[in-house]
Amino acid sequence: MESHRELGFGYYAIHGLNGQEIGIFGVLKKPFLSYVDFGFALLPEFYRQGYAYEASKAILELGKNKFNLCTLNAVTHPDNLASQALLSKLGFVSTSNIKPDISSDVELTVFQLN
């Protein structure tokens, strides 16, 4: 909610055909990324049904048309092949790896969409 107040954008609840919430999708500014981050989380029972792609396309259009976000980042865990495949399908390209927290051993894969 803080991001919505400060920047006008953030995460949005996404609902399926029956109105049930199926996940969250949106854009958020993260301090360790150069550009606004596109992110998503889908409830497992809605995996592999096309919801993630359709919701992602809608959020990307919103970011571009309403918030003038021409370049976006996205991050995934290197083992999250499903998310990486979705990002590639949406036109994101893997650019680098990053440790979001210097004290962490976790390194994330950074994607970018221009």
PDB file of N, CA and C in Angstrom:
ATOM      1  N   MET A   1       0.820  -1.193   0.000  1.00  0.00           N
ATOM      2  CA  MET A   1       0.000   0.000   0.000  1.00  0.00           C
ATOM      3  C   MET A   1       0.868   1.261   0.000  1.00  0.00           C
ATOM      4  N   GLU A   2       2.009   1.204   0.676  1.00  0.00           N
ATOM      5  CA  GLU A   2       2.889   2.366   0.741  1.00  0.00           C
ATOM      6  C   GLU A   2       3.355   2.773  -0.658  1.00  0.00           C
ATOM      7  N   SER A   3       3.686   1.798  -1.486  1.00  0.00           N
ATOM      8  CA  SER A   3       4.121   2.072  -2.844  1.00  0.00           C
ATOM      9  C   SER A   3       3.014   2.753  -3.644  1.00  0.00           C
ATOM     10  N   HIS A   4       1.781   2.308  -3.469  1.00  0.00           N
ATOM     11  CA  HIS A   4       0.660   2.936  -4.172  1.00  0.00           C
ATOM     12  C   HIS A   4       0.538   4.401  -3.774  1.00  0.00           C
ATOM     13  N   ARG A   5       0.694   4.690  -2.473  1.00  0.00           N
ATOM     14  CA  ARG A   5       0.595   6.080  -1.996  1.00  0.00           C
ATOM     15  C   ARG A   5       1.753   6.932  -2.504  1.00  0.00           C
ATOM     16  N   GLU A   6       2.973   6.398  -2.447  1.00  0.00           N
ATOM     17  CA  GLU A   6       4.149   7.181  -2.789  1.00  0.00           C
ATOM     18  C   GLU A   6       4.411   7.296  -4.287  1.00  0.00           C
ATOM     19  N   LEU A   7       4.235   6.199  -5.020  1.00  0.00           N
ATOM     20  CA  LEU A   7       4.596   6.166  -6.435  1.00  0.00           C
ATOM     21  C   LEU A   7       3.408   6.044  -7.382  1.00  0.00           C
ATOM     22  N   GLY A   8       2.254   5.670  -6.837  1.00  0.00           N
ATOM     23  CA  GLY A   8       1.073   5.495  -7.671  1.00  0.00           C
ATOM     24  C   GLY A   8       0.902   4.090  -8.203  1.00  0.00           C
ATOM     25  N   PHE A   9       1.881   3.232  -7.963  1.00  0.00           N
ATOM     26  CA  PHE A   9       1.790   1.844  -8.423  1.00  0.00           C
ATOM     27  C   PHE A   9       2.336   0.908  -7.369  1.00  0.00           C
ATOM     28  N   GLY A  10       2.093  -0.375  -7.560  1.00  0.00           N
ATOM     29  CA  GLY A  10       2.541  -1.403  -6.629  1.00  0.00           C
ATOM     30  C   GLY A  10       2.021  -2.747  -7.098  1.00  0.00           C
ATOM     31  N   TYR A  11       1.664  -3.590  -6.145  1.00  0.00           N
ATOM     32  CA  TYR A  11       1.107  -4.902  -6.481  1.00  0.00           C
ATOM     33  C   TYR A  11      -0.411  -4.838  -6.493  1.00  0.00           C
ATOM     34  N   TYR A  12      -1.014  -5.665  -7.324  1.00  0.00           N
ATOM     35  CA  TYR A  12      -2.464  -5.730  -7.491  1.00  0.00           C
ATOM     36  C   TYR A  12      -2.925  -7.172  -7.332  1.00  0.00           C
ATOM     37  N   ALA A  13      -4.041  -7.357  -6.640  1.00  0.00           N
ATOM     38  CA  ALA A  13      -4.637  -8.689  -6.539  1.00  0.00           C
ATOM     39  C   ALA A  13      -5.257  -9.026  -7.892  1.00  0.00           C
ATOM     40  N   ILE A  14      -5.047 -10.238  -8.333  1.00  0.00           N
ATOM     41  CA  ILE A  14      -5.590 -10.715  -9.605  1.00  0.00           C
ATOM     42  C   ILE A  14      -6.638 -11.785  -9.287  1.00  0.00           C
ATOM     43  N   HIS A  15      -7.766 -11.698  -9.973  1.00  0.00           N
ATOM     44  CA  HIS A  15      -8.872 -12.621  -9.737  1.00  0.00           C
ATOM     45  C   HIS A  15      -9.127 -13.471 -10.971  1.00  0.00           C
ATOM     46  N   GLY A  16      -9.495 -14.724 -10.745  1.00  0.00           N
ATOM     47  CA  GLY A  16      -9.830 -15.648 -11.821  1.00  0.00           C
ATOM     48  C   GLY A  16     -11.235 -15.406 -12.335  1.00  0.00           C
ATOM     49  N   LEU A  17     -11.666 -16.268 -13.215  1.00  0.00           N
ATOM     50  CA  LEU A  17     -12.970 -16.116 -13.852  1.00  0.00           C
ATOM     51  C   LEU A  17     -14.141 -16.144 -12.871  1.00  0.00           C
ATOM     52  N   ASN A  18     -13.981 -16.884 -11.783  1.00  0.00           N
ATOM     53  CA  ASN A  18     -15.064 -16.975 -10.796  1.00  0.00           C
ATOM     54  C   ASN A  18     -14.964 -15.903  -9.713  1.00  0.00           C
ATOM     55  N   GLY A  19     -13.999 -14.983  -9.855  1.00  0.00           N
ATOM     56  CA  GLY A  19     -13.839 -13.905  -8.889  1.00  0.00           C
ATOM     57  C   GLY A  19     -12.901 -14.218  -7.737  1.00  0.00           C
ATOM     58  N   GLN A  20     -12.434 -15.462  -7.652  1.00  0.00           N
ATOM     59  CA  GLN A  20     -11.519 -15.852  -6.584  1.00  0.00           C
ATOM     60  C   GLN A  20     -10.141 -15.239  -6.825  1.00  0.00           C
ATOM     61  N   GLU A  21      -9.512 -14.732  -5.761  1.00  0.00           N
ATOM     62  CA  GLU A  21      -8.160 -14.203  -5.886  1.00  0.00           C
ATOM     63  C   GLU A  21      -7.208 -15.353  -6.206  1.00  0.00           C
ATOM     64  N   ILE A  22      -6.397 -15.157  -7.248  1.00  0.00           N
ATOM     65  CA  ILE A  22      -5.496 -16.220  -7.679  1.00  0.00           C
ATOM     66  C   ILE A  22      -4.029 -15.863  -7.489  1.00  0.00           C
ATOM     67  N   GLY A  23      -3.744 -14.587  -7.195  1.00  0.00           N
ATOM     68  CA  GLY A  23      -2.361 -14.181  -6.995  1.00  0.00           C
ATOM     69  C   GLY A  23      -2.217 -12.684  -6.982  1.00  0.00           C
ATOM     70  N   ILE A  24      -0.951 -12.240  -6.968  1.00  0.00           N
ATOM     71  CA  ILE A  24      -0.642 -10.817  -7.038  1.00  0.00           C
ATOM     72  C   ILE A  24       0.367 -10.587  -8.155  1.00  0.00           C
ATOM     73  N   PHE A  25       0.206  -9.475  -8.837  1.00  0.00           N
ATOM     74  CA  PHE A  25       1.089  -9.074  -9.925  1.00  0.00           C
ATOM     75  C   PHE A  25       1.263  -7.573  -9.814  1.00  0.00           C
ATOM     76  N   GLY A  26       2.405  -7.059 -10.218  1.00  0.00           N
ATOM     77  CA  GLY A  26       2.565  -5.621 -10.188  1.00  0.00           C
ATOM     78  C   GLY A  26       3.983  -5.166 -10.418  1.00  0.00           C
ATOM     79  N   VAL A  27       4.187  -3.896 -10.141  1.00  0.00           N
ATOM     80  CA  VAL A  27       5.487  -3.263 -10.285  1.00  0.00           C
ATOM     81  C   VAL A  27       5.806  -2.513  -8.999  1.00  0.00           C
ATOM     82  N   LEU A  28       7.081  -2.561  -8.626  1.00  0.00           N
ATOM     83  CA  LEU A  28       7.500  -2.000  -7.345  1.00  0.00           C
ATOM     84  C   LEU A  28       8.953  -1.552  -7.474  1.00  0.00           C
ATOM     85  N   LYS A  29       9.290  -0.416  -6.886  1.00  0.00           N
ATOM     86  CA  LYS A  29      10.682   0.038  -6.907  1.00  0.00           C
ATOM     87  C   LYS A  29      11.439  -0.645  -5.774  1.00  0.00           C
ATOM     88  N   LYS A  30      12.501  -1.362  -6.142  1.00  0.00           N
ATOM     89  CA  LYS A  30      13.351  -2.040  -5.160  1.00  0.00           C
ATOM     90  C   LYS A  30      14.711  -1.370  -5.154  1.00  0.00           C
ATOM     91  N   PRO A  31      15.284  -1.124  -3.993  1.00  0.00           N
ATOM     92  CA  PRO A  31      16.531  -0.351  -3.912  1.00  0.00           C
ATOM     93  C   PRO A  31      17.733  -1.000  -4.591  1.00  0.00           C
ATOM     94  N   PHE A  32      17.724  -2.293  -4.774  1.00  0.00           N
ATOM     95  CA  PHE A  32      18.894  -2.958  -5.356  1.00  0.00           C
ATOM     96  C   PHE A  32      18.810  -3.118  -6.869  1.00  0.00           C
ATOM     97  N   LEU A  33      17.745  -2.574  -7.493  1.00  0.00           N
ATOM     98  CA  LEU A  33      17.596  -2.672  -8.947  1.00  0.00           C
ATOM     99  C   LEU A  33      17.647  -1.287  -9.592  1.00  0.00           C
ATOM    100  N   SER A  34      18.132  -1.228 -10.813  1.00  0.00           N
ATOM    101  CA  SER A  34      18.220   0.037 -11.538  1.00  0.00           C
ATOM    102  C   SER A  34      16.857   0.549 -11.982  1.00  0.00           C
ATOM    103  N   TYR A  35      15.962  -0.374 -12.305  1.00  0.00           N
ATOM    104  CA  TYR A  35      14.643   0.001 -12.812  1.00  0.00           C
ATOM    105  C   TYR A  35      13.557  -0.595 -11.918  1.00  0.00           C
ATOM    106  N   VAL A  36      12.344  -0.146 -12.121  1.00  0.00           N
ATOM    107  CA  VAL A  36      11.205  -0.674 -11.381  1.00  0.00           C
ATOM    108  C   VAL A  36      11.104  -2.175 -11.656  1.00  0.00           C
ATOM    109  N   ASP A  37      10.777  -2.933 -10.621  1.00  0.00           N
ATOM    110  CA  ASP A  37      10.712  -4.389 -10.683  1.00  0.00           C
ATOM    111  C   ASP A  37       9.307  -4.864 -11.005  1.00  0.00           C
ATOM    112  N   PHE A  38       9.197  -5.743 -11.983  1.00  0.00           N
ATOM    113  CA  PHE A  38       7.943  -6.436 -12.280  1.00  0.00           C
ATOM    114  C   PHE A  38       7.959  -7.741 -11.494  1.00  0.00           C
ATOM    115  N   GLY A  39       6.911  -7.986 -10.726  1.00  0.00           N
ATOM    116  CA  GLY A  39       6.875  -9.200  -9.930  1.00  0.00           C
ATOM    117  C   GLY A  39       5.505  -9.833  -9.904  1.00  0.00           C
ATOM    118  N   PHE A  40       5.490 -11.101  -9.522  1.00  0.00           N
ATOM    119  CA  PHE A  40       4.221 -11.822  -9.479  1.00  0.00           C
ATOM    120  C   PHE A  40       4.334 -13.030  -8.570  1.00  0.00           C
ATOM    121  N   ALA A  41       3.191 -13.434  -8.076  1.00  0.00           N
ATOM    122  CA  ALA A  41       3.079 -14.661  -7.289  1.00  0.00           C
ATOM    123  C   ALA A  41       1.688 -15.215  -7.551  1.00  0.00           C
ATOM    124  N   LEU A  42       1.627 -16.454  -7.899  1.00  0.00           N
ATOM    125  CA  LEU A  42       0.371 -17.113  -8.239  1.00  0.00           C
ATOM    126  C   LEU A  42       0.157 -18.281  -7.291  1.00  0.00           C
ATOM    127  N   LEU A  43      -1.066 -18.463  -6.844  1.00  0.00           N
ATOM    128  CA  LEU A  43      -1.364 -19.619  -6.000  1.00  0.00           C
ATOM    129  C   LEU A  43      -1.128 -20.899  -6.808  1.00  0.00           C
ATOM    130  N   PRO A  44      -0.547 -21.925  -6.190  1.00  0.00           N
ATOM    131  CA  PRO A  44      -0.169 -23.139  -6.932  1.00  0.00           C
ATOM    132  C   PRO A  44      -1.304 -23.793  -7.710  1.00  0.00           C
ATOM    133  N   GLU A  45      -2.514 -23.744  -7.191  1.00  0.00           N
ATOM    134  CA  GLU A  45      -3.617 -24.401  -7.905  1.00  0.00           C
ATOM    135  C   GLU A  45      -3.971 -23.721  -9.229  1.00  0.00           C
ATOM    136  N   PHE A  46      -3.345 -22.558  -9.498  1.00  0.00           N
ATOM    137  CA  PHE A  46      -3.613 -21.848 -10.749  1.00  0.00           C
ATOM    138  C   PHE A  46      -2.417 -21.851 -11.694  1.00  0.00           C
ATOM    139  N   TYR A  47      -1.380 -22.614 -11.365  1.00  0.00           N
ATOM    140  CA  TYR A  47      -0.229 -22.758 -12.256  1.00  0.00           C
ATOM    141  C   TYR A  47      -0.664 -23.431 -13.556  1.00  0.00           C
ATOM    142  N   ARG A  48       0.049 -23.109 -14.621  1.00  0.00           N
ATOM    143  CA  ARG A  48      -0.081 -23.783 -15.929  1.00  0.00           C
ATOM    144  C   ARG A  48      -1.492 -23.726 -16.521  1.00  0.00           C
ATOM    145  N   GLN A  49      -2.186 -22.593 -16.282  1.00  0.00           N
ATOM    146  CA  GLN A  49      -3.522 -22.416 -16.850  1.00  0.00           C
ATOM    147  C   GLN A  49      -3.622 -21.141 -17.692  1.00  0.00           C
ATOM    148  N   GLY A  50      -2.488 -20.462 -17.889  1.00  0.00           N
ATOM    149  CA  GLY A  50      -2.475 -19.249 -18.700  1.00  0.00           C
ATOM    150  C   GLY A  50      -2.740 -17.969 -17.924  1.00  0.00           C
ATOM    151  N   TYR A  51      -3.087 -18.095 -16.656  1.00  0.00           N
ATOM    152  CA  TYR A  51      -3.378 -16.901 -15.858  1.00  0.00           C
ATOM    153  C   TYR A  51      -2.159 -15.997 -15.721  1.00  0.00           C
ATOM    154  N   ALA A  52      -1.002 -16.564 -15.468  1.00  0.00           N
ATOM    155  CA  ALA A  52       0.198 -15.759 -15.231  1.00  0.00           C
ATOM    156  C   ALA A  52       0.543 -14.927 -16.468  1.00  0.00           C
ATOM    157  N   TYR A  53       0.450 -15.522 -17.628  1.00  0.00           N
ATOM    158  CA  TYR A  53       0.764 -14.788 -18.854  1.00  0.00           C
ATOM    159  C   TYR A  53      -0.237 -13.658 -19.081  1.00  0.00           C
ATOM    160  N   GLU A  54      -1.505 -13.957 -18.971  1.00  0.00           N
ATOM    161  CA  GLU A  54      -2.547 -12.942 -19.210  1.00  0.00           C
ATOM    162  C   GLU A  54      -2.468 -11.806 -18.194  1.00  0.00           C
ATOM    163  N   ALA A  55      -2.294 -12.136 -16.924  1.00  0.00           N
ATOM    164  CA  ALA A  55      -2.190 -11.099 -15.892  1.00  0.00           C
ATOM    165  C   ALA A  55      -0.919 -10.272 -16.102  1.00  0.00           C
ATOM    166  N   SER A  56       0.162 -10.927 -16.470  1.00  0.00           N
ATOM    167  CA  SER A  56       1.421 -10.218 -16.710  1.00  0.00           C
ATOM    168  C   SER A  56       1.279  -9.222 -17.849  1.00  0.00           C
ATOM    169  N   LYS A  57       0.673  -9.646 -18.936  1.00  0.00           N
ATOM    170  CA  LYS A  57       0.478  -8.745 -20.080  1.00  0.00           C
ATOM    171  C   LYS A  57      -0.328  -7.519 -19.656  1.00  0.00           C
ATOM    172  N   ALA A  58      -1.371  -7.718 -18.856  1.00  0.00           N
ATOM    173  CA  ALA A  58      -2.204  -6.598 -18.409  1.00  0.00           C
ATOM    174  C   ALA A  58      -1.403  -5.638 -17.526  1.00  0.00           C
ATOM    175  N   ILE A  59      -0.597  -6.168 -16.615  1.00  0.00           N
ATOM    176  CA  ILE A  59       0.197  -5.328 -15.719  1.00  0.00           C
ATOM    177  C   ILE A  59       1.277  -4.585 -16.506  1.00  0.00           C
ATOM    178  N   LEU A  60       1.903  -5.242 -17.459  1.00  0.00           N
ATOM    179  CA  LEU A  60       2.926  -4.581 -18.271  1.00  0.00           C
ATOM    180  C   LEU A  60       2.330  -3.447 -19.096  1.00  0.00           C
ATOM    181  N   GLU A  61       1.144  -3.645 -19.633  1.00  0.00           N
ATOM    182  CA  GLU A  61       0.455  -2.578 -20.370  1.00  0.00           C
ATOM    183  C   GLU A  61       0.121  -1.411 -19.448  1.00  0.00           C
ATOM    184  N   LEU A  62      -0.348  -1.715 -18.252  1.00  0.00           N
ATOM    185  CA  LEU A  62      -0.652  -0.682 -17.268  1.00  0.00           C
ATOM    186  C   LEU A  62       0.612   0.116 -16.938  1.00  0.00           C
ATOM    187  N   GLY A  63       1.706  -0.584 -16.692  1.00  0.00           N
ATOM    188  CA  GLY A  63       2.967   0.091 -16.381  1.00  0.00           C
ATOM    189  C   GLY A  63       3.432   1.002 -17.499  1.00  0.00           C
ATOM    190  N   LYS A  64       3.293   0.531 -18.706  1.00  0.00           N
ATOM    191  CA  LYS A  64       3.735   1.315 -19.861  1.00  0.00           C
ATOM    192  C   LYS A  64       2.805   2.496 -20.137  1.00  0.00           C
ATOM    193  N   ASN A  65       1.516   2.235 -20.188  1.00  0.00           N
ATOM    194  CA  ASN A  65       0.557   3.253 -20.606  1.00  0.00           C
ATOM    195  C   ASN A  65       0.161   4.237 -19.523  1.00  0.00           C
ATOM    196  N   LYS A  66       0.046   3.790 -18.294  1.00  0.00           N
ATOM    197  CA  LYS A  66      -0.391   4.681 -17.215  1.00  0.00           C
ATOM    198  C   LYS A  66       0.774   5.296 -16.454  1.00  0.00           C
ATOM    199  N   PHE A  67       1.842   4.529 -16.250  1.00  0.00           N
ATOM    200  CA  PHE A  67       2.947   4.998 -15.423  1.00  0.00           C
ATOM    201  C   PHE A  67       4.217   5.300 -16.214  1.00  0.00           C
ATOM    202  N   ASN A  68       4.152   5.149 -17.541  1.00  0.00           N
ATOM    203  CA  ASN A  68       5.271   5.473 -18.426  1.00  0.00           C
ATOM    204  C   ASN A  68       6.555   4.733 -18.037  1.00  0.00           C
ATOM    205  N   LEU A  69       6.408   3.476 -17.679  1.00  0.00           N
ATOM    206  CA  LEU A  69       7.561   2.646 -17.320  1.00  0.00           C
ATOM    207  C   LEU A  69       8.043   1.927 -18.582  1.00  0.00           C
ATOM    208  N   CYS A  70       9.053   2.489 -19.217  1.00  0.00           N
ATOM    209  CA  CYS A  70       9.533   1.946 -20.493  1.00  0.00           C
ATOM    210  C   CYS A  70      10.518   0.797 -20.315  1.00  0.00           C
ATOM    211  N   THR A  71      11.260   0.800 -19.224  1.00  0.00           N
ATOM    212  CA  THR A  71      12.222  -0.258 -18.929  1.00  0.00           C
ATOM    213  C   THR A  71      11.888  -0.826 -17.561  1.00  0.00           C
ATOM    214  N   LEU A  72      11.846  -2.142 -17.474  1.00  0.00           N
ATOM    215  CA  LEU A  72      11.550  -2.825 -16.216  1.00  0.00           C
ATOM    216  C   LEU A  72      12.598  -3.891 -15.944  1.00  0.00           C
ATOM    217  N   ASN A  73      12.805  -4.162 -14.671  1.00  0.00           N
ATOM    218  CA  ASN A  73      13.590  -5.314 -14.242  1.00  0.00           C
ATOM    219  C   ASN A  73      12.640  -6.361 -13.684  1.00  0.00           C
ATOM    220  N   ALA A  74      13.125  -7.559 -13.558  1.00  0.00           N
ATOM    221  CA  ALA A  74      12.449  -8.644 -12.849  1.00  0.00           C
ATOM    222  C   ALA A  74      13.557  -9.537 -12.303  1.00  0.00           C
ATOM    223  N   VAL A  75      13.327 -10.146 -11.160  1.00  0.00           N
ATOM    224  CA  VAL A  75      14.330 -11.036 -10.583  1.00  0.00           C
ATOM    225  C   VAL A  75      13.697 -12.383 -10.265  1.00  0.00           C
ATOM    226  N   THR A  76      14.500 -13.431 -10.421  1.00  0.00           N
ATOM    227  CA  THR A  76      14.050 -14.775 -10.062  1.00  0.00           C
ATOM    228  C   THR A  76      15.203 -15.508  -9.383  1.00  0.00           C
ATOM    229  N   HIS A  77      14.822 -16.509  -8.644  1.00  0.00           N
ATOM    230  CA  HIS A  77      15.831 -17.442  -8.129  1.00  0.00           C
ATOM    231  C   HIS A  77      16.333 -18.231  -9.335  1.00  0.00           C
ATOM    232  N   PRO A  78      17.613 -18.517  -9.419  1.00  0.00           N
ATOM    233  CA  PRO A  78      18.154 -19.237 -10.575  1.00  0.00           C
ATOM    234  C   PRO A  78      17.479 -20.583 -10.855  1.00  0.00           C
ATOM    235  N   ASP A  79      16.893 -21.201  -9.840  1.00  0.00           N
ATOM    236  CA  ASP A  79      16.232 -22.494 -10.029  1.00  0.00           C
ATOM    237  C   ASP A  79      14.776 -22.376 -10.464  1.00  0.00           C
ATOM    238  N   ASN A  80      14.229 -21.167 -10.501  1.00  0.00           N
ATOM    239  CA  ASN A  80      12.818 -20.974 -10.829  1.00  0.00           C
ATOM    240  C   ASN A  80      12.643 -20.899 -12.345  1.00  0.00           C
ATOM    241  N   LEU A  81      12.700 -22.054 -12.976  1.00  0.00           N
ATOM    242  CA  LEU A  81      12.651 -22.119 -14.436  1.00  0.00           C
ATOM    243  C   LEU A  81      11.302 -21.700 -15.010  1.00  0.00           C
ATOM    244  N   ALA A  82      10.223 -21.952 -14.277  1.00  0.00           N
ATOM    245  CA  ALA A  82       8.893 -21.560 -14.768  1.00  0.00           C
ATOM    246  C   ALA A  82       8.781 -20.041 -14.857  1.00  0.00           C
ATOM    247  N   SER A  83       9.233 -19.335 -13.836  1.00  0.00           N
ATOM    248  CA  SER A  83       9.188 -17.870 -13.868  1.00  0.00           C
ATOM    249  C   SER A  83      10.107 -17.326 -14.945  1.00  0.00           C
ATOM    250  N   GLN A  84      11.275 -17.929 -15.100  1.00  0.00           N
ATOM    251  CA  GLN A  84      12.194 -17.489 -16.139  1.00  0.00           C
ATOM    252  C   GLN A  84      11.595 -17.691 -17.529  1.00  0.00           C
ATOM    253  N   ALA A  85      10.892 -18.791 -17.722  1.00  0.00           N
ATOM    254  CA  ALA A  85      10.247 -19.049 -19.013  1.00  0.00           C
ATOM    255  C   ALA A  85       9.156 -18.015 -19.286  1.00  0.00           C
ATOM    256  N   LEU A  86       8.381 -17.683 -18.260  1.00  0.00           N
ATOM    257  CA  LEU A  86       7.337 -16.663 -18.434  1.00  0.00           C
ATOM    258  C   LEU A  86       7.967 -15.319 -18.774  1.00  0.00           C
ATOM    259  N   LEU A  87       9.003 -14.938 -18.045  1.00  0.00           N
ATOM    260  CA  LEU A  87       9.651 -13.654 -18.323  1.00  0.00           C
ATOM    261  C   LEU A  87      10.197 -13.615 -19.748  1.00  0.00           C
ATOM    262  N   SER A  88      10.794 -14.697 -20.203  1.00  0.00           N
ATOM    263  CA  SER A  88      11.297 -14.765 -21.582  1.00  0.00           C
ATOM    264  C   SER A  88      10.160 -14.638 -22.587  1.00  0.00           C
ATOM    265  N   LYS A  89       9.062 -15.311 -22.330  1.00  0.00           N
ATOM    266  CA  LYS A  89       7.890 -15.234 -23.215  1.00  0.00           C
ATOM    267  C   LYS A  89       7.351 -13.809 -23.291  1.00  0.00           C
ATOM    268  N   LEU A  90       7.484 -13.048 -22.198  1.00  0.00           N
ATOM    269  CA  LEU A  90       7.017 -11.660 -22.143  1.00  0.00           C
ATOM    270  C   LEU A  90       8.011 -10.684 -22.775  1.00  0.00           C
ATOM    271  N   GLY A  91       9.206 -11.169 -23.148  1.00  0.00           N
ATOM    272  CA  GLY A  91      10.192 -10.319 -23.792  1.00  0.00           C
ATOM    273  C   GLY A  91      11.334  -9.870 -22.901  1.00  0.00           C
ATOM    274  N   PHE A  92      11.365 -10.322 -21.654  1.00  0.00           N
ATOM    275  CA  PHE A  92      12.469 -10.003 -20.754  1.00  0.00           C
ATOM    276  C   PHE A  92      13.703 -10.793 -21.173  1.00  0.00           C
ATOM    277  N   VAL A  93      14.872 -10.210 -20.937  1.00  0.00           N
ATOM    278  CA  VAL A  93      16.145 -10.853 -21.254  1.00  0.00           C
ATOM    279  C   VAL A  93      16.985 -10.892 -19.988  1.00  0.00           C
ATOM    280  N   SER A  94      17.601 -12.025 -19.730  1.00  0.00           N
ATOM    281  CA  SER A  94      18.494 -12.159 -18.581  1.00  0.00           C
ATOM    282  C   SER A  94      19.721 -11.276 -18.799  1.00  0.00           C
ATOM    283  N   THR A  95      20.053 -10.452 -17.779  1.00  0.00           N
ATOM    284  CA  THR A  95      21.162  -9.512 -17.941  1.00  0.00           C
ATOM    285  C   THR A  95      22.310  -9.740 -16.972  1.00  0.00           C
ATOM    286  N   SER A  96      22.003 -10.222 -15.768  1.00  0.00           N
ATOM    287  CA  SER A  96      23.046 -10.350 -14.756  1.00  0.00           C
ATOM    288  C   SER A  96      22.531 -11.145 -13.567  1.00  0.00           C
ATOM    289  N   ASN A  97      23.388 -11.300 -12.589  1.00  0.00           N
ATOM    290  CA  ASN A  97      23.009 -11.868 -11.297  1.00  0.00           C
ATOM    291  C   ASN A  97      23.303 -10.814 -10.240  1.00  0.00           C
ATOM    292  N   ILE A  98      22.540 -10.857  -9.156  1.00  0.00           N
ATOM    293  CA  ILE A  98      22.693  -9.850  -8.114  1.00  0.00           C
ATOM    294  C   ILE A  98      22.386 -10.461  -6.754  1.00  0.00           C
ATOM    295  N   LYS A  99      23.081  -9.987  -5.749  1.00  0.00           N
ATOM    296  CA  LYS A  99      22.752 -10.326  -4.366  1.00  0.00           C
ATOM    297  C   LYS A  99      21.978  -9.148  -3.801  1.00  0.00           C
ATOM    298  N   PRO A 100      20.686  -9.321  -3.541  1.00  0.00           N
ATOM    299  CA  PRO A 100      19.891  -8.190  -3.056  1.00  0.00           C
ATOM    300  C   PRO A 100      20.297  -7.718  -1.667  1.00  0.00           C
ATOM    301  N   ASP A 101      20.899  -8.588  -0.903  1.00  0.00           N
ATOM    302  CA  ASP A 101      21.338  -8.265   0.450  1.00  0.00           C
ATOM    303  C   ASP A 101      22.774  -8.745   0.581  1.00  0.00           C
ATOM    304  N   ILE A 102      23.658  -7.845   0.901  1.00  0.00           N
ATOM    305  CA  ILE A 102      25.086  -8.182   0.938  1.00  0.00           C
ATOM    306  C   ILE A 102      25.393  -9.297   1.932  1.00  0.00           C
ATOM    307  N   SER A 103      24.551  -9.446   2.956  1.00  0.00           N
ATOM    308  CA  SER A 103      24.786 -10.493   3.956  1.00  0.00           C
ATOM    309  C   SER A 103      24.192 -11.838   3.540  1.00  0.00           C
ATOM    310  N   SER A 104      23.532 -11.867   2.396  1.00  0.00           N
ATOM    311  CA  SER A 104      22.875 -13.092   1.938  1.00  0.00           C
ATOM    312  C   SER A 104      23.770 -13.866   0.978  1.00  0.00           C
ATOM    313  N   ASP A 105      23.612 -15.172   0.992  1.00  0.00           N
ATOM    314  CA  ASP A 105      24.304 -16.011   0.017  1.00  0.00           C
ATOM    315  C   ASP A 105      23.465 -16.212  -1.240  1.00  0.00           C
ATOM    316  N   VAL A 106      22.215 -15.779  -1.196  1.00  0.00           N
ATOM    317  CA  VAL A 106      21.302 -15.964  -2.320  1.00  0.00           C
ATOM    318  C   VAL A 106      21.620 -14.955  -3.419  1.00  0.00           C
ATOM    319  N   GLU A 107      21.816 -15.466  -4.614  1.00  0.00           N
ATOM    320  CA  GLU A 107      22.049 -14.621  -5.775  1.00  0.00           C
ATOM    321  C   GLU A 107      20.862 -14.805  -6.715  1.00  0.00           C
ATOM    322  N   LEU A 108      20.268 -13.703  -7.157  1.00  0.00           N
ATOM    323  CA  LEU A 108      19.107 -13.737  -8.037  1.00  0.00           C
ATOM    324  C   LEU A 108      19.512 -13.417  -9.463  1.00  0.00           C
ATOM    325  N   THR A 109      18.755 -13.955 -10.398  1.00  0.00           N
ATOM    326  CA  THR A 109      18.957 -13.638 -11.807  1.00  0.00           C
ATOM    327  C   THR A 109      18.123 -12.410 -12.152  1.00  0.00           C
ATOM    328  N   VAL A 110      18.768 -11.413 -12.756  1.00  0.00           N
ATOM    329  CA  VAL A 110      18.085 -10.176 -13.126  1.00  0.00           C
ATOM    330  C   VAL A 110      17.713 -10.238 -14.603  1.00  0.00           C
ATOM    331  N   PHE A 111      16.470  -9.881 -14.888  1.00  0.00           N
ATOM    332  CA  PHE A 111      15.965  -9.785 -16.257  1.00  0.00           C
ATOM    333  C   PHE A 111      15.612  -8.331 -16.533  1.00  0.00           C
ATOM    334  N   GLN A 112      15.602  -7.965 -17.814  1.00  0.00           N
ATOM    335  CA  GLN A 112      15.235  -6.593 -18.175  1.00  0.00           C
ATOM    336  C   GLN A 112      14.347  -6.614 -19.415  1.00  0.00           C
ATOM    337  N   LEU A 113      13.387  -5.707 -19.425  1.00  0.00           N
ATOM    338  CA  LEU A 113      12.484  -5.507 -20.561  1.00  0.00           C
ATOM    339  C   LEU A 113      12.588  -4.053 -20.970  1.00  0.00           C
ATOM    340  N   ASN A 114      12.910  -3.813 -22.243  1.00  0.00           N
ATOM    341  CA  ASN A 114      12.988  -2.433 -22.745  1.00  0.00           C
ATOM    342  C   ASN A 114      11.809  -2.126 -23.644  1.00  0.00           C
TER     343      ASN A 114
END
